[in-house]
């Protein structure tokens, strides 16, 4: 008989533990902070800037210019080497920046895709430094085979982010 009473007592312990746990959880929920209302969704204001070449978007004080290629057949008959192409790209970029109220000195970041970078980067850097003689923007590039540049003859393509005063 004593044994049965002990076993009955032991079988009640897990139930007491579950009940105690439920009471503790309820108490914690009551102490928890009330849910905050969902934050308003923030969407950047975007304004398309009309430009003669390349795509340009303004959001606040930032200007995003994308996809200026190194050679367009309607601009010159021959593609030229990397120096010719990077000068062409940066001249086009300068015109877009100035048309949107910015300048080359306000360029924050440049991203380049360069065909055969091991061959072309030294010459590209030489021409690039003409446009950014001091305090150049942050720059990164990715390399590609000439055949993967999108159109025959293109050796570089440039995108940038600039600040508008």
Protein backbone atom coordinates (compact mmCIF):
# COMPACT_ATOMS: atom_id res chain seq x y z
CA UNK A 1 0.00 0.00 0.00
CA UNK A 2 2.76 2.40 0.86
CA UNK A 3 4.33 1.61 -2.46
CA UNK A 4 1.17 2.60 -4.38
CA UNK A 5 0.91 5.90 -2.55
CA UNK A 6 4.52 6.68 -3.37
CA UNK A 7 3.97 5.84 -7.07
CA UNK A 8 0.80 7.98 -7.18
CA UNK A 9 2.73 10.85 -5.65
CA UNK A 10 5.48 10.50 -8.23
CA UNK A 11 3.02 10.48 -11.14
CA UNK A 12 1.63 13.83 -10.01
CA UNK A 13 5.05 15.55 -10.04
CA UNK A 14 5.30 15.96 -13.85
CA UNK A 15 1.82 17.47 -13.91
CA UNK A 16 2.81 19.91 -11.19
CA UNK A 17 5.90 20.82 -13.21
CA UNK A 18 3.83 21.51 -16.34
CA UNK A 19 1.35 23.57 -14.36
CA UNK A 20 4.15 25.52 -12.72
CA UNK A 21 5.74 26.16 -16.09
CA UNK A 22 2.45 27.42 -17.53
CA UNK A 23 1.98 29.78 -14.59
CA UNK A 24 5.54 31.08 -14.97
CA UNK A 25 5.08 31.63 -18.74
CA UNK A 26 1.84 33.52 -18.14
CA UNK A 27 3.53 35.75 -15.57
CA UNK A 28 6.38 36.50 -17.98
CA UNK A 29 3.96 37.37 -20.80
CA UNK A 30 2.17 39.82 -18.52
CA UNK A 31 5.50 41.52 -17.71
CA UNK A 32 6.62 41.65 -21.37
CA UNK A 33 6.53 44.99 -23.15
CA UNK A 34 3.48 45.65 -25.29
CA UNK A 35 3.95 45.15 -29.03
CA UNK A 36 5.12 48.22 -30.89
CA UNK A 37 3.15 49.28 -33.93
CA UNK A 38 4.74 48.33 -37.26
CA UNK A 39 7.18 50.96 -38.52
CA UNK A 40 6.18 52.88 -41.59
CA UNK A 41 7.74 51.53 -44.75
CA UNK A 42 10.49 53.80 -46.03
CA UNK A 43 10.91 54.14 -49.76
CA UNK A 44 13.64 56.30 -51.27
CA UNK A 45 12.51 59.10 -53.52
CA UNK A 46 13.85 58.42 -56.99
CA UNK A 47 13.97 60.85 -59.85
CA UNK A 48 15.10 59.86 -63.32
CA UNK A 49 17.58 62.37 -64.71
CA UNK A 50 17.44 62.73 -68.48
CA UNK A 51 20.89 62.42 -70.00
CA UNK A 52 22.26 62.09 -73.52
CA UNK A 53 24.08 58.83 -72.66
CA UNK A 54 23.94 56.32 -69.84
CA UNK A 55 21.27 56.01 -67.21
CA UNK A 56 21.09 58.38 -64.27
CA UNK A 57 18.93 58.37 -61.16
CA UNK A 58 18.84 60.89 -58.33
CA UNK A 59 17.72 60.07 -54.80
CA UNK A 60 18.06 62.90 -52.31
CA UNK A 61 21.61 64.23 -52.55
CA UNK A 62 22.92 61.12 -54.31
CA UNK A 63 23.28 60.59 -58.02
CA UNK A 64 23.61 57.09 -59.47
CA UNK A 65 25.03 56.79 -62.99
CA UNK A 66 25.16 53.38 -64.56
CA UNK A 67 26.39 51.64 -67.62
CA UNK A 68 28.51 54.08 -69.62
CA UNK A 69 30.32 52.01 -72.22
CA UNK A 70 33.74 52.79 -73.63
CA UNK A 71 32.69 52.86 -77.24
CA UNK A 72 29.58 53.62 -79.23
CA UNK A 73 29.71 53.41 -83.02
CA UNK A 74 27.68 56.63 -83.35
CA UNK A 75 30.38 58.55 -81.40
CA UNK A 76 33.47 57.43 -83.32
CA UNK A 77 34.25 55.01 -86.10
CA UNK A 78 36.86 52.89 -84.31
CA UNK A 79 36.72 51.59 -80.73
CA UNK A 80 40.24 52.73 -79.85
CA UNK A 81 42.43 51.39 -77.06
CA UNK A 82 41.66 51.47 -73.34
CA UNK A 83 43.00 55.04 -72.94
CA UNK A 84 40.71 56.34 -75.66
CA UNK A 85 37.75 54.49 -74.18
CA UNK A 86 38.24 55.50 -70.54
CA UNK A 87 38.67 59.14 -71.59
CA UNK A 88 35.43 58.85 -73.57
CA UNK A 89 33.60 57.26 -70.62
CA UNK A 90 34.83 59.84 -68.12
CA UNK A 91 34.06 62.74 -70.47
CA UNK A 92 30.52 61.40 -70.87
CA UNK A 93 30.25 60.90 -67.11
CA UNK A 94 31.45 64.47 -66.50
CA UNK A 95 28.73 65.80 -68.81
CA UNK A 96 26.04 63.76 -67.07
CA UNK A 97 27.23 64.89 -63.63
CA UNK A 98 27.29 68.55 -64.60
CA UNK A 99 23.88 68.26 -66.27
CA UNK A 100 22.48 66.86 -63.01
CA UNK A 101 24.04 69.58 -60.82
CA UNK A 102 27.14 67.72 -59.65
CA UNK A 103 30.77 67.46 -60.72
CA UNK A 104 33.71 65.09 -61.00
CA UNK A 105 34.95 66.31 -57.60
CA UNK A 106 31.71 65.03 -56.04
CA UNK A 107 32.12 61.45 -57.29
CA UNK A 108 32.20 59.13 -54.28
CA UNK A 109 32.57 55.70 -55.89
CA UNK A 110 33.33 54.28 -59.31
CA UNK A 111 32.74 50.69 -60.37
CA UNK A 112 34.41 49.55 -63.59
CA UNK A 113 34.21 46.45 -65.69
CA UNK A 114 37.45 46.15 -67.64
CA UNK A 115 38.22 43.76 -70.47
CA UNK A 116 41.49 41.86 -69.98
CA UNK A 117 42.43 43.82 -66.81
CA UNK A 118 45.97 42.45 -66.52
CA UNK A 119 46.68 44.00 -69.90
CA UNK A 120 44.55 47.16 -69.67
CA UNK A 121 44.69 48.47 -66.08
CA UNK A 122 48.10 50.23 -66.29
CA UNK A 123 47.04 52.26 -69.36
CA UNK A 124 43.57 52.83 -67.91
CA UNK A 125 45.10 54.23 -64.69
CA UNK A 126 47.20 56.67 -66.69
CA UNK A 127 44.18 58.15 -68.46
CA UNK A 128 41.99 57.91 -65.32
CA UNK A 129 44.40 60.08 -63.32
CA UNK A 130 43.85 62.94 -65.81
CA UNK A 131 40.25 63.18 -64.57
CA UNK A 132 41.02 62.61 -60.88
CA UNK A 133 44.48 64.15 -60.27
CA UNK A 134 43.97 64.36 -56.48
CA UNK A 135 41.52 62.90 -53.99
CA UNK A 136 40.16 60.29 -56.39
CA UNK A 137 36.92 58.51 -55.50
CA UNK A 138 36.83 54.99 -54.14
CA UNK A 139 37.18 52.63 -57.07
CA UNK A 140 36.66 48.95 -57.67
CA UNK A 141 36.66 46.92 -60.82
CA UNK A 142 35.82 43.53 -62.13
CA UNK A 143 37.57 41.89 -65.02
CA UNK A 144 36.09 40.25 -68.05
CA UNK A 145 37.12 38.70 -71.32
CA UNK A 146 36.77 41.03 -74.29
CA UNK A 147 34.17 38.68 -75.77
CA UNK A 148 31.97 39.07 -72.66
CA UNK A 149 31.69 42.86 -72.61
CA UNK A 150 28.30 42.94 -74.31
CA UNK A 151 29.32 44.43 -77.64
CA UNK A 152 32.35 43.97 -79.83
CA UNK A 153 34.99 46.63 -79.28
CA UNK A 154 34.08 47.68 -75.74
CA UNK A 155 36.99 47.52 -73.30
CA UNK A 156 35.41 49.22 -70.28
CA UNK A 157 32.11 50.12 -68.72
CA UNK A 158 31.68 52.49 -65.78
CA UNK A 159 29.06 53.21 -63.12
CA UNK A 160 29.37 55.75 -60.33
CA UNK A 161 27.75 57.28 -57.27
CA UNK A 162 28.15 61.02 -56.78
CA UNK A 163 26.98 63.65 -54.33
CA UNK A 164 24.81 66.56 -55.45
CA UNK A 165 25.24 69.80 -53.46
